[in-house]
Amino acid sequence: MVTSHAVAVPRLVIAAPSSGSGKTTVATGLMAAFAGRGLAVSPHKAGPDYIDPGYHALATGRPGRNLDAYMCGPELVAPLFAHGSAGCDLAVVEGVMGLYDGAAGRGELASTAQVAKLLRAPVVLVVDASSQSRSVAALVHGFASFDPQVRLGGVILNKVGSDRHEAMLREALEEAGMPVLGVLRRAPQVSAPSRHLGLVPVAERRADAVASVAALAEQVRAGCDLEALLALARSAPPLDCAAWSPERAVASAAAPPAPAAAADAGPGGGRRPVVAVAGGAAFTFSYAEHAELLAAAGAEVVPFDPLADEDLPEGTSGLVVGGGFPEVYAPELAANEPLRKAVAGFAAAGGPVAAECAGLLYLARSLDGRPMCGVLDADAVMSQRLTLGYREAVAVSDSPLAAAGTRLRGHEFHRTVVEPGAGPAPAWGFTHPERRVEGFVHRGVHASYLHTHWAAEPSVAVRFTAAAAAHR
């Protein structure tokens, strides 16, 4: 039995009235500015986004972690936060979309507002003031009063045009009784480049990203009242919860399948099974908790880069290929024929493979006409249509990742199309918001567009590690 205890990490939630207001600019700048003052800053992102946490990690030197009340359930938000922020002086949580926007048709579920309430954290509203003056007070008043349980502690004004513009905005907000905690002028030189799925990941522009984060920190230091923001963060009351633990999560998960017991019978018995995890610039999407759960389940997690490495890590007995941008690197991935053949051979031998989104494309026969691993009888192409949204899913076929009937919530986010969209043994059946089957289960392969968060169902990591041990 785990007893709860007070979590007293000072914390702020950075929100906005809508997407595009400057949340990432402010949140990343604040993280870097406070880290530059010697504080240990814990970075978090509300929602399923993978890209912003990369910039957060660069700003703080700590893993960027997601807090998603839809995929993990509201009950895990505070424990996951406590796990990530343990030992830190300050936590900064970047919101998602507008403050009150959540899962479609599900009320406040997965909204920034819900995360703020679950964390009992004060909210700082980032307002794009470029096309308004006194109206800003009405806007902020509406957000402050919409849900009395959300504590709006102040405003940071973004894209302010001039001293006169700033004076009008401050006067209006003073009348409304809302503190102005920062004013940022228009500064396009510090913005990060965007692409078809959002910002370009840090791994693809490391040097430029370092410079961008440094510029954001300087902009925030110059334009924000860091002392007032820190005081607001310290006003957050203690959270009464136990920090999430990958070891406890694994211990409480369903028992692994029987073949795991056979893993120690052969040569090399007793060694931890090696689970190779794709990384590098083409495969940047992952949740930190996945590797932690695999390690807690008994795996040795070894990263590799499909753009550079010509073979799987030595002793690989399980393979995880997560999300990213293989479409951007299709020529380089195609040119690395030795690794493509190694992946195909591992899959043909029945090795357990978990592939999400970009991993699905990499396992396909081709991507935009270029050869990929050929593990799946399917071809992928870029499209103009964005597929985006939360999904409720049930495993259709038994696989090393999930037993048939396992229910998970996940997220789709891609501009590619795979034909066919499902194999003879589909990976998932979606039950909401639409009904369809999707993905592929073939030998030891589980490949799908669906992104999942394994903290919601740690038996996934236990089952996959057991399959890797058995395959070894």
Protein backbone atom coordinates (compact mmCIF):
# COMPACT_ATOMS: atom_id res chain seq x y z
CA MET A 1 0.00 0.00 0.00
CA VAL A 2 1.34 3.43 -0.99
CA THR A 3 0.58 6.32 1.31
CA SER A 4 0.16 9.76 -0.19
CA HIS A 5 2.20 12.74 0.93
CA ALA A 6 2.27 16.44 0.26
CA VAL A 7 3.86 17.55 -3.01
CA ALA A 8 4.94 21.15 -2.49
CA VAL A 9 6.72 21.99 -5.74
CA PRO A 10 6.02 25.63 -6.75
CA ARG A 11 4.22 25.58 -10.09
CA LEU A 12 2.64 27.63 -12.85
CA VAL A 13 0.38 26.74 -15.75
CA ILE A 14 0.95 28.83 -18.88
CA ALA A 15 -2.31 29.09 -20.82
CA ALA A 16 -3.85 31.25 -23.55
CA PRO A 17 -7.24 32.14 -24.99
CA SER A 18 -6.43 30.21 -28.16
CA SER A 19 -3.66 28.45 -30.05
CA GLY A 20 -1.10 30.75 -31.62
CA SER A 21 -1.08 33.24 -28.75
CA GLY A 22 2.49 32.50 -27.70
CA LYS A 23 2.25 29.81 -25.01
CA THR A 24 5.34 27.95 -26.22
CA THR A 25 7.34 31.17 -26.49
CA VAL A 26 6.49 32.20 -22.94
CA ALA A 27 6.64 28.75 -21.32
CA THR A 28 9.98 27.83 -22.90
CA GLY A 29 11.39 31.28 -22.20
CA LEU A 30 10.32 31.10 -18.56
CA MET A 31 11.80 27.63 -18.16
CA ALA A 32 15.12 28.76 -19.62
CA ALA A 33 15.16 32.04 -17.68
CA PHE A 34 14.55 30.37 -14.34
CA ALA A 35 16.99 27.55 -15.13
CA GLY A 36 19.54 30.25 -15.96
CA ARG A 37 19.11 31.56 -12.43
CA GLY A 38 20.18 28.20 -11.06
CA LEU A 39 16.73 26.78 -10.31
CA ALA A 40 15.94 23.14 -11.05
CA VAL A 41 12.95 23.55 -13.37
CA SER A 42 10.57 20.68 -14.17
CA PRO A 43 9.01 21.05 -17.66
CA HIS A 44 5.55 19.73 -18.50
CA LYS A 45 3.11 19.93 -21.40
CA ALA A 46 -0.65 19.48 -21.16
CA GLY A 47 -2.00 17.22 -23.91
CA PRO A 48 -0.35 14.70 -26.24
CA ASP A 49 2.11 16.97 -28.07
CA TYR A 50 5.65 15.58 -28.51
CA ILE A 51 7.43 18.55 -30.08
CA ASP A 52 7.11 21.29 -27.46
CA PRO A 53 8.58 19.04 -24.72
CA GLY A 54 11.76 18.81 -26.80
CA TYR A 55 12.20 22.57 -26.48
CA HIS A 56 11.29 22.36 -22.80
CA ALA A 57 13.99 19.75 -22.26
CA LEU A 58 16.53 21.93 -24.03
CA ALA A 59 15.56 24.87 -21.80
CA THR A 60 15.79 22.95 -18.52
CA GLY A 61 18.12 20.00 -19.00
CA ARG A 62 15.35 17.67 -17.78
CA PRO A 63 12.96 15.43 -19.77
CA GLY A 64 9.86 17.23 -21.00
CA ARG A 65 6.85 15.31 -19.71
CA ASN A 66 3.23 15.25 -20.83
CA LEU A 67 0.16 15.48 -18.63
CA ASP A 68 -2.77 14.13 -20.61
CA ALA A 69 -6.02 13.60 -18.73
CA TYR A 70 -7.64 11.88 -21.71
CA MET A 71 -5.00 9.24 -22.44
CA CYS A 72 -3.90 8.63 -18.85
CA GLY A 73 -7.03 9.59 -16.95
CA PRO A 74 -7.45 12.57 -14.60
CA GLU A 75 -6.38 10.44 -11.65
CA LEU A 76 -2.82 10.11 -13.02
CA VAL A 77 -2.19 13.80 -13.79
CA ALA A 78 -1.03 14.79 -10.29
CA PRO A 79 0.99 11.58 -9.66
CA LEU A 80 2.78 11.90 -13.03
CA PHE A 81 3.46 15.57 -12.27
CA ALA A 82 4.87 14.64 -8.86
CA HIS A 83 7.08 11.98 -10.48
CA GLY A 84 8.51 14.39 -13.02
CA SER A 85 8.96 17.33 -10.65
CA ALA A 86 10.52 15.45 -7.73
CA GLY A 87 13.42 17.42 -6.27
CA CYS A 88 12.76 20.52 -8.38
CA ASP A 89 12.53 24.16 -7.31
CA LEU A 90 9.83 25.06 -9.82
CA ALA A 91 7.54 23.40 -12.35
CA VAL A 92 6.20 25.10 -15.47
CA VAL A 93 3.29 23.48 -17.32
CA GLU A 94 2.57 24.64 -20.87
CA GLY A 95 -1.10 24.34 -21.73
CA VAL A 96 -2.76 23.05 -24.87
CA MET A 97 -4.95 25.05 -27.28
CA GLY A 98 -7.16 27.57 -25.48
CA LEU A 99 -7.48 27.42 -21.69
CA TYR A 100 -10.89 25.71 -21.72
CA ASP A 101 -10.49 23.64 -24.91
CA GLY A 102 -10.38 19.88 -24.33
CA ALA A 103 -11.37 16.60 -25.94
CA ALA A 104 -14.15 17.20 -28.45
CA GLY A 105 -17.57 16.67 -26.93
CA ARG A 106 -16.12 15.77 -23.50
CA GLY A 107 -16.49 19.05 -21.63
CA GLU A 108 -13.35 20.07 -19.78
CA LEU A 109 -11.65 16.67 -20.16
CA ALA A 110 -7.99 17.06 -21.18
CA SER A 111 -8.19 20.86 -21.17
CA THR A 112 -5.53 23.09 -19.69
CA ALA A 113 -8.14 24.25 -17.18
CA GLN A 114 -8.69 20.69 -15.96
CA VAL A 115 -4.94 20.10 -15.59
CA ALA A 116 -4.59 23.37 -13.65
CA LYS A 117 -7.39 22.32 -11.27
CA LEU A 118 -5.97 18.83 -10.80
CA LEU A 119 -2.59 20.40 -9.95
CA ARG A 120 -4.12 23.21 -7.86
CA ALA A 121 -1.83 25.48 -9.87
CA PRO A 122 -2.22 29.20 -10.62
CA VAL A 123 -2.67 30.06 -14.29
CA VAL A 124 -0.86 32.77 -16.24
CA LEU A 125 -2.78 33.78 -19.37
CA VAL A 126 -0.69 34.67 -22.43
CA VAL A 127 -2.69 37.11 -24.55
CA ASP A 128 -1.85 38.04 -28.14
CA ALA A 129 -2.50 41.78 -27.84
CA SER A 130 -1.47 42.67 -31.39
CA SER A 131 -4.99 43.65 -32.54
CA GLN A 132 -6.64 45.04 -29.41
CA SER A 133 -6.31 47.56 -26.63
CA ARG A 134 -9.05 48.11 -23.99
CA SER A 135 -10.92 45.01 -25.15
CA VAL A 136 -8.18 42.94 -23.56
CA ALA A 137 -9.82 43.58 -20.17
CA ALA A 138 -13.13 42.09 -21.31
CA LEU A 139 -11.35 39.10 -22.78
CA VAL A 140 -9.35 38.43 -19.62
CA HIS A 141 -12.37 39.03 -17.37
CA GLY A 142 -14.29 36.38 -19.29
CA PHE A 143 -11.53 33.82 -18.91
CA ALA A 144 -11.08 34.63 -15.22
CA SER A 145 -14.77 34.29 -14.40
CA PHE A 146 -15.77 31.38 -16.64
CA ASP A 147 -14.75 28.74 -14.09
CA PRO A 148 -14.30 29.98 -10.52
CA GLN A 149 -12.20 26.90 -9.70
CA VAL A 150 -9.51 28.04 -12.14
CA ARG A 151 -7.26 30.56 -10.44
CA LEU A 152 -6.07 33.11 -12.98
CA GLY A 153 -3.10 34.79 -11.30
CA GLY A 154 -2.02 37.24 -13.97
CA VAL A 155 -1.47 38.02 -17.63
CA ILE A 156 1.53 38.17 -19.94
CA LEU A 157 0.87 40.39 -22.93
CA ASN A 158 2.46 39.16 -26.14
CA LYS A 159 3.14 40.93 -29.46
CA VAL A 160 2.74 44.41 -27.99
CA GLY A 161 3.46 47.03 -30.62
CA SER A 162 4.69 50.14 -28.79
CA ASP A 163 4.99 51.94 -25.46
CA ARG A 164 1.64 53.64 -26.08
CA HIS A 165 0.00 50.30 -26.88
CA GLU A 166 1.43 48.84 -23.68
CA ALA A 167 0.13 51.77 -21.61
CA MET A 168 -3.42 51.31 -22.94
CA LEU A 169 -3.34 47.57 -22.24
CA ARG A 170 -2.00 48.05 -18.71
CA GLU A 171 -4.61 50.69 -17.93
CA ALA A 172 -7.46 48.44 -19.09
CA LEU A 173 -6.22 45.46 -17.08
CA GLU A 174 -5.64 47.59 -14.00
CA GLU A 175 -9.30 48.61 -14.14
CA ALA A 176 -10.18 44.90 -14.30
CA GLY A 177 -7.97 44.13 -11.31
CA MET A 178 -5.76 41.70 -13.23
CA PRO A 179 -1.97 41.85 -12.66
CA VAL A 180 0.25 42.24 -15.71
CA LEU A 181 3.21 39.93 -15.12
CA GLY A 182 4.99 40.55 -18.38
CA VAL A 183 4.97 42.40 -21.68
CA LEU A 184 6.67 40.96 -24.77
CA ARG A 185 7.20 42.95 -27.92
CA ARG A 186 7.00 41.47 -31.39
CA ALA A 187 10.23 39.55 -31.95
CA PRO A 188 10.03 37.20 -34.94
CA GLN A 189 13.75 36.45 -34.70
CA VAL A 190 13.16 34.15 -31.71
CA SER A 191 10.32 32.13 -33.20
CA ALA A 192 10.95 28.48 -34.06
CA PRO A 193 10.25 27.30 -37.62
CA SER A 194 7.07 25.34 -38.24
CA ARG A 195 6.19 22.46 -40.55
CA HIS A 196 3.13 20.38 -41.43
CA LEU A 197 2.67 19.04 -37.87
CA GLY A 198 3.83 22.08 -35.89
CA LEU A 199 7.29 23.22 -34.79
CA VAL A 200 10.37 21.57 -36.24
CA PRO A 201 11.68 19.21 -33.51
CA VAL A 202 14.83 20.12 -31.58
CA ALA A 203 16.67 17.02 -32.84
CA GLU A 204 16.47 18.36 -36.41
CA ARG A 205 17.91 21.82 -35.65
CA ARG A 206 19.93 21.41 -32.48
CA ALA A 207 22.29 24.38 -32.87
CA ASP A 208 19.57 26.75 -34.05
CA ALA A 209 17.23 25.50 -31.32
CA VAL A 210 19.82 26.22 -28.64
CA ALA A 211 20.13 29.76 -29.97
CA SER A 212 16.34 30.16 -30.15
CA VAL A 213 15.86 29.01 -26.56
CA ALA A 214 18.61 31.37 -25.37
CA ALA A 215 16.90 34.24 -27.20
CA LEU A 216 13.54 33.30 -25.66
CA ALA A 217 15.10 33.32 -22.21
CA GLU A 218 16.54 36.78 -22.78
CA GLN A 219 13.23 38.09 -24.12
CA VAL A 220 11.36 36.75 -21.10
CA ARG A 221 13.98 38.04 -18.64
CA ALA A 222 13.67 41.50 -20.16
CA GLY A 223 9.89 41.58 -20.43
CA CYS A 224 8.54 39.58 -17.47
CA ASP A 225 8.52 40.09 -13.73
CA LEU A 226 10.28 36.89 -12.76
CA GLU A 227 10.06 37.60 -9.04
CA ALA A 228 6.29 38.08 -9.22
CA LEU A 229 5.92 34.93 -11.31
CA LEU A 230 8.01 32.92 -8.84
CA ALA A 231 5.97 34.27 -5.93
CA LEU A 232 2.78 33.24 -7.75
CA ALA A 233 4.20 29.74 -8.32
CA ARG A 234 5.08 29.46 -4.64
CA SER A 235 1.51 30.33 -3.67
CA ALA A 236 0.27 26.99 -5.04
CA PRO A 237 -0.94 24.82 -2.15
CA PRO A 238 0.53 21.34 -1.53
CA LEU A 239 -0.83 18.42 -3.53
CA ASP A 240 -1.89 15.41 -1.50
CA CYS A 241 -0.80 12.55 -3.72
CA ALA A 242 1.86 9.90 -4.14
CA ALA A 243 4.27 10.32 -7.01
CA TRP A 244 3.81 7.86 -9.85
CA SER A 245 6.49 5.19 -9.93
CA PRO A 246 7.32 2.97 -12.92
CA GLU A 247 8.37 0.20 -10.53
CA ARG A 248 5.07 0.28 -8.65
CA ALA A 249 3.14 0.57 -11.91
CA VAL A 250 4.85 -2.54 -13.28
CA ALA A 251 4.39 -4.44 -10.02
CA SER A 252 0.66 -3.73 -10.08
CA ALA A 253 0.23 -4.59 -13.77
CA ALA A 254 -1.17 -7.88 -14.99
CA ALA A 255 1.23 -10.81 -14.87
CA PRO A 256 3.30 -11.32 -18.05
CA PRO A 257 2.42 -14.14 -20.43
CA ALA A 258 3.82 -17.57 -19.67
CA PRO A 259 6.58 -17.61 -22.36
CA ALA A 260 8.57 -15.07 -20.32
CA ALA A 261 9.50 -17.84 -17.88
CA ALA A 262 11.28 -19.68 -20.69
CA ALA A 263 13.62 -16.75 -21.33
CA ASP A 264 16.21 -17.85 -18.76
CA ALA A 265 16.33 -21.44 -20.00
CA GLY A 266 18.55 -20.85 -23.02
CA PRO A 267 22.05 -19.39 -23.48
CA GLY A 268 22.47 -16.03 -21.81
CA GLY A 269 19.62 -16.72 -19.38
CA GLY A 270 19.31 -14.16 -16.62
CA ARG A 271 20.43 -11.16 -18.69
CA ARG A 272 18.02 -8.33 -19.28
CA PRO A 273 16.45 -8.45 -22.75
CA VAL A 274 17.66 -5.63 -25.00
CA VAL A 275 14.83 -3.44 -26.30
CA ALA A 276 16.09 -1.20 -29.09
CA VAL A 277 14.29 2.15 -29.32
CA ALA A 278 14.50 4.20 -32.52
CA GLY A 279 15.59 7.80 -32.10
CA GLY A 280 17.53 10.43 -33.98
CA ALA A 281 16.06 13.20 -36.10
CA ALA A 282 13.51 10.98 -37.88
CA PHE A 283 11.97 9.42 -34.74
CA THR A 284 11.68 12.09 -32.07
CA PHE A 285 8.23 11.33 -30.63
CA SER A 286 8.27 9.42 -27.36
CA TYR A 287 7.04 9.73 -23.80
CA ALA A 288 9.75 9.49 -21.14
CA GLU A 289 7.62 7.10 -19.10
CA HIS A 290 7.76 4.43 -21.83
CA ALA A 291 11.49 3.83 -21.42
CA GLU A 292 11.10 4.01 -17.63
CA LEU A 293 8.38 1.35 -17.71
CA LEU A 294 10.37 -0.93 -20.00
CA ALA A 295 13.37 -0.65 -17.68
CA ALA A 296 11.19 -1.30 -14.64
CA ALA A 297 9.77 -4.38 -16.40
CA GLY A 298 13.28 -5.76 -16.80
CA ALA A 299 14.43 -4.50 -20.21
CA GLU A 300 17.73 -2.92 -21.11
CA VAL A 301 16.63 0.05 -23.22
CA VAL A 302 19.14 0.89 -25.96
CA PRO A 303 18.56 3.82 -28.37
CA PHE A 304 19.64 3.73 -32.00
CA ASP A 305 19.37 6.07 -34.97
CA PRO A 306 17.88 4.64 -38.19
CA LEU A 307 19.50 7.49 -40.13
CA ALA A 308 23.01 6.57 -39.02
CA ASP A 309 23.16 3.01 -37.64
CA GLU A 310 23.45 0.18 -40.12
CA ASP A 311 22.42 -2.55 -37.72
CA LEU A 312 20.21 -2.99 -34.68
CA PRO A 313 21.95 -2.78 -31.29
CA GLU A 314 23.80 -5.94 -30.30
CA GLY A 315 21.52 -8.51 -28.74
CA THR A 316 18.28 -6.79 -29.73
CA SER A 317 15.31 -8.94 -28.71
CA GLY A 318 12.60 -6.26 -28.87
CA LEU A 319 12.17 -3.23 -31.14
CA VAL A 320 10.22 -0.01 -30.51
CA VAL A 321 9.84 2.47 -33.37
CA GLY A 322 7.80 5.46 -32.26
CA GLY A 323 6.60 8.62 -33.93
CA GLY A 324 8.41 11.35 -35.80
CA PHE A 325 8.97 12.56 -39.32
CA PRO A 326 10.18 9.72 -41.56
CA GLU A 327 8.52 11.47 -44.51
CA VAL A 328 11.07 14.27 -44.19
CA TYR A 329 13.93 11.77 -44.15
CA ALA A 330 12.56 9.18 -46.57
CA PRO A 331 15.60 9.38 -48.93
CA GLU A 332 18.07 8.85 -46.07
CA LEU A 333 16.02 6.04 -44.52
CA ALA A 334 15.72 4.34 -47.90
CA ALA A 335 19.46 4.68 -48.48
CA ASN A 336 20.24 2.84 -45.23
CA GLU A 337 19.56 -0.56 -46.79
CA PRO A 338 21.56 -2.58 -44.24
CA LEU A 339 19.35 -1.42 -41.37
CA ARG A 340 16.16 -1.89 -43.39
CA LYS A 341 17.19 -5.47 -44.01
CA ALA A 342 18.09 -5.97 -40.35
CA VAL A 343 14.68 -4.73 -39.24
CA ALA A 344 12.94 -6.92 -41.82
CA GLY A 345 14.94 -9.94 -40.71
CA PHE A 346 14.19 -9.32 -37.05
CA ALA A 347 10.46 -9.08 -37.78
CA ALA A 348 10.52 -12.16 -40.05
CA ALA A 349 12.09 -14.14 -37.21
CA GLY A 350 9.12 -13.27 -35.00
CA GLY A 351 10.87 -10.58 -32.97
CA PRO A 352 8.45 -8.35 -31.03
CA VAL A 353 8.06 -4.94 -32.68
CA ALA A 354 5.95 -2.02 -31.43
CA ALA A 355 5.54 0.66 -34.09
CA GLU A 356 3.53 3.88 -33.73
CA CYS A 357 2.76 6.27 -36.58
CA ALA A 358 6.23 7.01 -37.98
CA GLY A 359 7.17 3.45 -37.05
CA LEU A 360 4.22 2.19 -39.09
CA LEU A 361 5.51 4.13 -42.11
CA TYR A 362 9.03 2.78 -41.64
CA LEU A 363 7.79 -0.81 -41.56
CA ALA A 364 5.72 -0.32 -44.74
CA ARG A 365 6.79 -1.47 -48.17
CA SER A 366 7.34 2.10 -49.36
CA LEU A 367 7.00 5.73 -48.28
CA ASP A 368 6.33 8.24 -51.06
CA GLY A 369 7.68 5.71 -53.53
CA ARG A 370 10.93 5.05 -51.67
CA PRO A 371 11.64 1.58 -50.25
CA MET A 372 11.21 1.10 -46.52
CA CYS A 373 11.59 -2.08 -44.45
CA GLY A 374 8.91 -4.10 -46.25
CA VAL A 375 7.68 -5.75 -43.06
CA LEU A 376 4.07 -4.83 -43.89
CA ASP A 377 2.20 -5.33 -47.18
CA ALA A 378 1.27 -1.66 -47.28
CA ASP A 379 2.45 1.57 -48.86
CA ALA A 380 2.45 5.09 -47.40
CA VAL A 381 2.18 8.50 -49.03
CA MET A 382 1.96 12.09 -47.86
CA SER A 383 -1.45 13.71 -48.16
CA GLN A 384 -2.98 17.17 -47.76
CA ARG A 385 -5.41 15.97 -45.07
CA LEU A 386 -4.52 16.25 -41.40
CA THR A 387 -5.79 13.37 -39.29
CA LEU A 388 -5.93 14.63 -35.72
CA GLY A 389 -7.77 13.70 -32.56
CA TYR A 390 -8.24 11.49 -29.55
CA ARG A 391 -9.40 7.91 -30.05
CA GLU A 392 -10.89 5.21 -27.85
CA ALA A 393 -9.51 1.88 -28.96
CA VAL A 394 -9.71 -1.81 -28.21
CA ALA A 395 -7.05 -4.31 -29.28
CA VAL A 396 -8.54 -6.52 -32.00
CA SER A 397 -5.73 -9.08 -32.25
CA ASP A 398 -3.36 -10.64 -29.74
CA SER A 399 0.13 -9.15 -30.05
CA PRO A 400 3.30 -8.73 -27.97
CA LEU A 401 2.00 -5.26 -27.08
CA ALA A 402 -1.56 -6.02 -25.97
CA ALA A 403 -3.93 -8.92 -25.52
CA ALA A 404 -7.09 -8.84 -27.62
CA GLY A 405 -9.73 -6.92 -25.74
CA THR A 406 -7.29 -4.50 -24.08
CA ARG A 407 -8.80 -1.01 -24.02
CA LEU A 408 -6.69 2.11 -24.37
CA ARG A 409 -7.17 5.74 -25.21
CA GLY A 410 -4.81 7.25 -27.74
CA HIS A 411 -4.19 10.03 -30.20
CA GLU A 412 -3.77 10.28 -33.97
CA PHE A 413 -1.68 13.04 -35.56
CA HIS A 414 -0.46 12.62 -39.14
CA ARG A 415 -0.61 13.85 -42.73
CA THR A 416 0.14 10.53 -44.34
CA VAL A 417 -2.08 7.73 -45.60
CA VAL A 418 -1.27 4.01 -45.50
CA GLU A 419 -2.95 1.71 -48.03
CA PRO A 420 -4.45 -0.57 -46.92
CA GLY A 421 -5.28 1.04 -43.60
CA ALA A 422 -5.53 -2.30 -41.79
CA GLY A 423 -4.18 -5.78 -42.26
CA PRO A 424 -5.98 -9.15 -42.07
CA ALA A 425 -5.35 -8.97 -38.31
CA PRO A 426 -5.93 -5.30 -37.38
CA ALA A 427 -4.19 -3.74 -34.42
CA TRP A 428 -7.04 -1.62 -33.05
CA GLY A 429 -10.75 -1.18 -33.36
CA PHE A 430 -11.72 2.44 -32.74
CA THR A 431 -14.94 2.85 -30.78
CA HIS A 432 -14.98 6.65 -30.49
CA PRO A 433 -15.43 9.07 -32.15
CA GLU A 434 -15.74 6.77 -35.16
CA ARG A 435 -15.95 3.03 -35.65
CA ARG A 436 -13.24 1.47 -37.81
CA VAL A 437 -10.34 -0.94 -37.60
CA GLU A 438 -6.78 0.21 -38.07
CA GLY A 439 -3.21 -1.04 -38.07
CA PHE A 440 -1.46 -4.37 -38.44
CA VAL A 441 -0.60 -7.36 -36.27
CA HIS A 442 1.68 -9.81 -38.06
CA ARG A 443 3.94 -12.36 -36.36
CA GLY A 444 5.44 -10.31 -33.52
CA VAL A 445 4.66 -6.94 -35.07
CA HIS A 446 2.12 -4.44 -33.75
CA ALA A 447 2.02 -1.40 -36.07
CA SER A 448 -0.52 1.40 -35.95
CA TYR A 449 -1.03 5.15 -36.34
CA LEU A 450 -2.30 5.34 -32.76
CA HIS A 451 -0.06 7.03 -30.19
CA THR A 452 -0.62 5.66 -26.69
CA HIS A 453 0.69 6.53 -23.23
CA TRP A 454 1.80 3.36 -21.46
CA ALA A 455 1.44 4.87 -17.98
CA ALA A 456 -2.30 4.38 -18.51
CA GLU A 457 -1.81 0.63 -19.02
CA PRO A 458 1.62 -0.48 -17.73
CA SER A 459 0.81 -4.09 -18.59
CA VAL A 460 1.76 -3.09 -22.16
CA ALA A 461 5.38 -2.61 -21.09
CA VAL A 462 5.33 -5.79 -18.99
CA ARG A 463 3.89 -7.84 -21.86
CA PHE A 464 6.31 -6.42 -24.43
CA THR A 465 9.36 -6.97 -22.22
CA ALA A 466 8.25 -10.53 -21.56
CA ALA A 467 7.91 -11.12 -25.30
CA ALA A 468 11.41 -9.71 -25.82
CA ALA A 469 12.79 -12.00 -23.11
CA ALA A 470 11.08 -15.00 -24.69
CA HIS A 471 12.38 -14.11 -28.15
CA ARG A 472 15.94 -13.81 -26.87
